[in-house]
Amino acid sequence: MDTEGTVTYELRAGVAWLGLNRPHKRNAIGEALLAGFEAAVRRAQDEARALVVFGHGPCFSAGLDLAEHRAREPGEVFHHSRQWHAAFSLLRHGRIPVIAALHGVTIGGGLELAAACQIRIADETTFFALPEGARGIYVGGGASVYVARLLGASRVADMMLTGRVLDAATAVQAGLVQYLVPEGESKSNTDFRWFLDVVE
């Protein structure tokens, strides 16, 4: 599956691999990517036993596509936020477990996407932030609830108000990430056989 080139989809040994594919935009999530992402998640729910979400290029995702966001009217912003919630809800409540394979920039909506997955694996280059407050926008993909459930409300408030960045090691200690691996290895186990053995 290739939706305007914004996502890739591959089924390997029962595992669906969904790639965010806008590396020139740091995998910013725009309308086309969100639509392709939701379609790929629905497909994975039908034919896979597990789903891995990852980012092509040097990072996982820088979150909201700000260029598209600035062009929206206030009503459109609200509607777009609801589309994010619908797509991420498919991950949280779908019939298969979802692994986020993280590296590099994982901020804003990218962090919200990672938080919607059941398991998060980060390599040593991964870092996390919620820069929306500094940009004068709200966290539209559920960070105030779902990231707060992982990190605690006070830590999320601190990240939103101060722009604090969490590195991968700190994210593990805080409970945001379950596994920390060397650089380049967050998605190196190409069939996640160990995970399928657990969910079999």
Protein backbone atom coordinates (compact mmCIF):
# COMPACT_ATOMS: atom_id res chain seq x y z
CA MET A 1 0.00 0.00 0.00
CA ASP A 2 1.29 3.48 -0.83
CA THR A 3 -1.01 6.45 -0.20
CA GLU A 4 0.49 9.35 -2.15
CA GLY A 5 3.86 8.05 -0.95
CA THR A 6 3.19 9.18 2.62
CA VAL A 7 3.04 5.70 4.17
CA THR A 8 4.45 2.30 3.33
CA TYR A 9 2.96 -1.04 4.29
CA GLU A 10 4.49 -4.50 4.24
CA LEU A 11 3.42 -7.82 5.74
CA ARG A 12 6.28 -10.03 6.96
CA ALA A 13 5.73 -13.34 8.73
CA GLY A 14 2.44 -12.22 10.24
CA VAL A 15 3.72 -8.77 11.26
CA ALA A 16 2.51 -5.64 9.46
CA TRP A 17 5.13 -2.90 9.06
CA LEU A 18 3.68 0.59 8.68
CA GLY A 19 6.21 3.27 7.79
CA LEU A 20 5.71 7.03 8.00
CA ASN A 21 7.28 8.13 4.75
CA ARG A 22 7.85 11.89 4.62
CA PRO A 23 11.52 12.00 5.62
CA HIS A 24 12.04 15.38 3.93
CA LYS A 25 9.42 16.77 6.35
CA ARG A 26 10.67 14.77 9.36
CA ASN A 27 7.57 12.57 8.90
CA ALA A 28 5.25 15.42 9.82
CA ILE A 29 1.66 14.22 9.96
CA GLY A 30 -0.50 15.92 7.35
CA GLU A 31 -3.88 15.09 5.84
CA ALA A 32 -2.58 12.57 3.29
CA LEU A 33 -0.34 10.79 5.78
CA LEU A 34 -3.13 10.56 8.35
CA ALA A 35 -5.53 9.10 5.78
CA GLY A 36 -2.95 6.60 4.59
CA PHE A 37 -2.04 5.71 8.15
CA GLU A 38 -5.65 4.97 9.13
CA ALA A 39 -6.20 2.82 6.03
CA ALA A 40 -3.01 0.86 6.72
CA VAL A 41 -3.96 0.27 10.36
CA ARG A 42 -7.37 -1.07 9.28
CA ARG A 43 -5.67 -3.39 6.81
CA ALA A 44 -3.28 -4.65 9.48
CA GLN A 45 -6.20 -5.37 11.81
CA ASP A 46 -7.60 -7.69 9.14
CA GLU A 47 -4.48 -9.59 8.11
CA ALA A 48 -1.72 -9.35 10.72
CA ARG A 49 -1.00 -10.68 14.20
CA ALA A 50 0.96 -7.60 15.25
CA LEU A 51 1.75 -4.15 13.86
CA VAL A 52 5.02 -2.21 13.93
CA VAL A 53 4.90 1.55 13.32
CA PHE A 54 8.19 3.21 12.37
CA GLY A 55 9.56 6.26 10.58
CA HIS A 56 11.56 6.34 7.36
CA GLY A 57 14.61 8.57 7.32
CA PRO A 58 16.38 10.19 10.29
CA CYS A 59 13.46 10.36 12.73
CA PHE A 60 10.18 8.83 13.82
CA SER A 61 7.95 11.90 13.56
CA ALA A 62 8.05 15.62 14.26
CA GLY A 63 4.25 15.59 14.72
CA LEU A 64 1.75 17.98 13.22
CA ASP A 65 2.48 19.40 9.77
CA LEU A 66 2.60 23.07 10.75
CA ALA A 67 2.43 24.32 7.17
CA GLU A 68 -0.95 22.64 6.68
CA HIS A 69 -2.09 23.66 10.18
CA ARG A 70 -1.53 27.37 9.59
CA ALA A 71 -3.81 27.28 6.56
CA ARG A 72 -6.79 25.88 8.51
CA GLU A 73 -9.73 27.84 9.87
CA PRO A 74 -10.54 27.25 13.59
CA GLY A 75 -13.37 24.86 12.77
CA GLU A 76 -11.10 22.86 10.51
CA VAL A 77 -8.52 22.59 13.31
CA PHE A 78 -11.13 21.00 15.58
CA HIS A 79 -12.23 18.57 12.87
CA HIS A 80 -8.63 17.64 12.09
CA SER A 81 -7.97 16.94 15.77
CA ARG A 82 -10.93 14.55 15.83
CA GLN A 83 -9.43 12.72 12.84
CA TRP A 84 -6.23 12.20 14.83
CA HIS A 85 -8.19 10.78 17.75
CA ALA A 86 -10.08 8.40 15.46
CA ALA A 87 -6.89 7.11 13.85
CA PHE A 88 -5.03 6.67 17.15
CA SER A 89 -8.06 4.97 18.70
CA LEU A 90 -7.66 2.19 16.12
CA LEU A 91 -4.25 1.47 17.65
CA ARG A 92 -5.43 1.58 21.26
CA HIS A 93 -8.55 -0.50 20.79
CA GLY A 94 -7.76 -2.70 17.80
CA ARG A 95 -7.55 -6.48 17.94
CA ILE A 96 -3.76 -6.69 17.47
CA PRO A 97 -0.90 -5.32 19.57
CA VAL A 98 1.10 -2.39 18.20
CA ILE A 99 4.82 -1.73 18.61
CA ALA A 100 6.31 1.73 18.06
CA ALA A 101 9.90 1.45 16.79
CA LEU A 102 11.32 4.87 17.62
CA HIS A 103 14.43 6.79 16.63
CA GLY A 104 15.44 10.41 16.42
CA VAL A 105 12.81 13.13 16.71
CA THR A 106 9.62 11.88 18.42
CA ILE A 107 7.82 15.06 19.41
CA GLY A 108 4.35 16.58 19.53
CA GLY A 109 1.97 14.43 17.50
CA GLY A 110 4.77 11.93 16.96
CA LEU A 111 4.89 11.36 20.72
CA GLU A 112 1.10 11.15 20.81
CA LEU A 113 1.24 8.48 18.10
CA ALA A 114 3.87 6.52 20.02
CA ALA A 115 1.75 6.76 23.17
CA ALA A 116 -1.17 5.15 21.31
CA CYS A 117 0.90 1.98 20.81
CA GLN A 118 1.10 -0.75 23.43
CA ILE A 119 4.88 -1.20 23.32
CA ARG A 120 7.54 1.42 22.64
CA ILE A 121 11.10 0.52 21.63
CA ALA A 122 13.51 3.46 21.35
CA ASP A 123 17.06 3.55 20.11
CA GLU A 124 19.63 5.79 21.77
CA THR A 125 19.06 8.66 19.33
CA THR A 126 15.39 9.07 20.28
CA PHE A 127 14.22 12.17 22.11
CA PHE A 128 10.76 13.32 23.17
CA ALA A 129 9.13 16.73 23.57
CA LEU A 130 5.75 18.50 23.52
CA PRO A 131 6.56 21.86 21.87
CA GLU A 132 2.97 22.86 21.20
CA GLY A 133 2.85 25.41 24.03
CA ALA A 134 5.83 27.30 22.63
CA ARG A 135 4.07 27.39 19.25
CA GLY A 136 0.79 28.69 20.65
CA ILE A 137 -1.24 25.56 19.83
CA TYR A 138 -2.82 22.83 21.93
CA VAL A 139 -1.97 19.14 22.04
CA GLY A 140 -4.67 17.89 19.68
CA GLY A 141 -3.77 14.20 19.56
CA GLY A 142 -4.41 13.32 23.19
CA ALA A 143 -1.13 14.05 24.98
CA SER A 144 -2.84 15.71 27.93
CA VAL A 145 -4.57 12.38 28.66
CA TYR A 146 -2.63 9.51 27.13
CA VAL A 147 0.96 10.72 27.50
CA ALA A 148 0.05 11.87 31.01
CA ARG A 149 -1.08 8.35 31.85
CA LEU A 150 2.42 7.13 30.99
CA LEU A 151 4.51 9.97 32.43
CA GLY A 152 2.23 11.58 35.00
CA ALA A 153 0.36 14.86 34.70
CA SER A 154 3.03 16.98 36.38
CA ARG A 155 5.82 15.81 34.06
CA VAL A 156 3.65 16.39 30.97
CA ALA A 157 2.72 19.86 32.23
CA ASP A 158 6.42 20.58 32.71
CA MET A 159 7.22 19.45 29.16
CA MET A 160 4.42 21.54 27.71
CA LEU A 161 5.20 24.70 29.71
CA THR A 162 8.99 24.67 29.62
CA GLY A 163 9.79 22.82 26.39
CA ARG A 164 11.79 20.23 28.35
CA VAL A 165 13.18 17.42 26.19
CA LEU A 166 13.47 13.82 27.40
CA ASP A 167 16.25 11.67 26.03
CA ALA A 168 15.73 7.95 25.50
CA ALA A 169 17.33 6.85 28.77
CA THR A 170 15.21 9.29 30.79
CA ALA A 171 12.11 8.14 28.92
CA VAL A 172 12.80 4.55 29.97
CA GLN A 173 13.27 5.57 33.61
CA ALA A 174 10.03 7.58 33.47
CA GLY A 175 8.02 4.68 32.03
CA LEU A 176 7.37 6.16 28.61
CA VAL A 177 9.50 3.56 26.82
CA GLN A 178 9.79 -0.13 27.68
CA TYR A 179 12.94 -1.02 25.71
CA LEU A 180 16.12 0.94 24.97
CA VAL A 181 18.37 -0.41 22.21
CA PRO A 182 21.57 0.78 20.48
CA GLU A 183 21.37 3.32 17.68
CA GLY A 184 19.76 1.92 14.55
CA GLU A 185 18.33 -1.19 16.22
CA SER A 186 14.78 -0.19 17.19
CA LYS A 187 13.45 -2.01 14.13
CA SER A 188 16.33 -4.37 13.42
CA ASN A 189 14.50 -7.52 14.56
CA THR A 190 12.78 -7.83 11.22
CA ASP A 191 10.07 -10.32 12.13
CA PHE A 192 9.63 -9.65 15.88
CA ARG A 193 9.47 -13.40 16.41
CA TRP A 194 10.08 -12.91 20.12
CA PHE A 195 6.93 -10.82 20.33
CA LEU A 196 4.77 -13.20 18.34
CA ASP A 197 5.83 -16.00 20.67
CA VAL A 198 4.42 -13.95 23.55
CA VAL A 199 1.08 -13.13 21.90
CA GLU A 200 0.58 -16.54 20.27
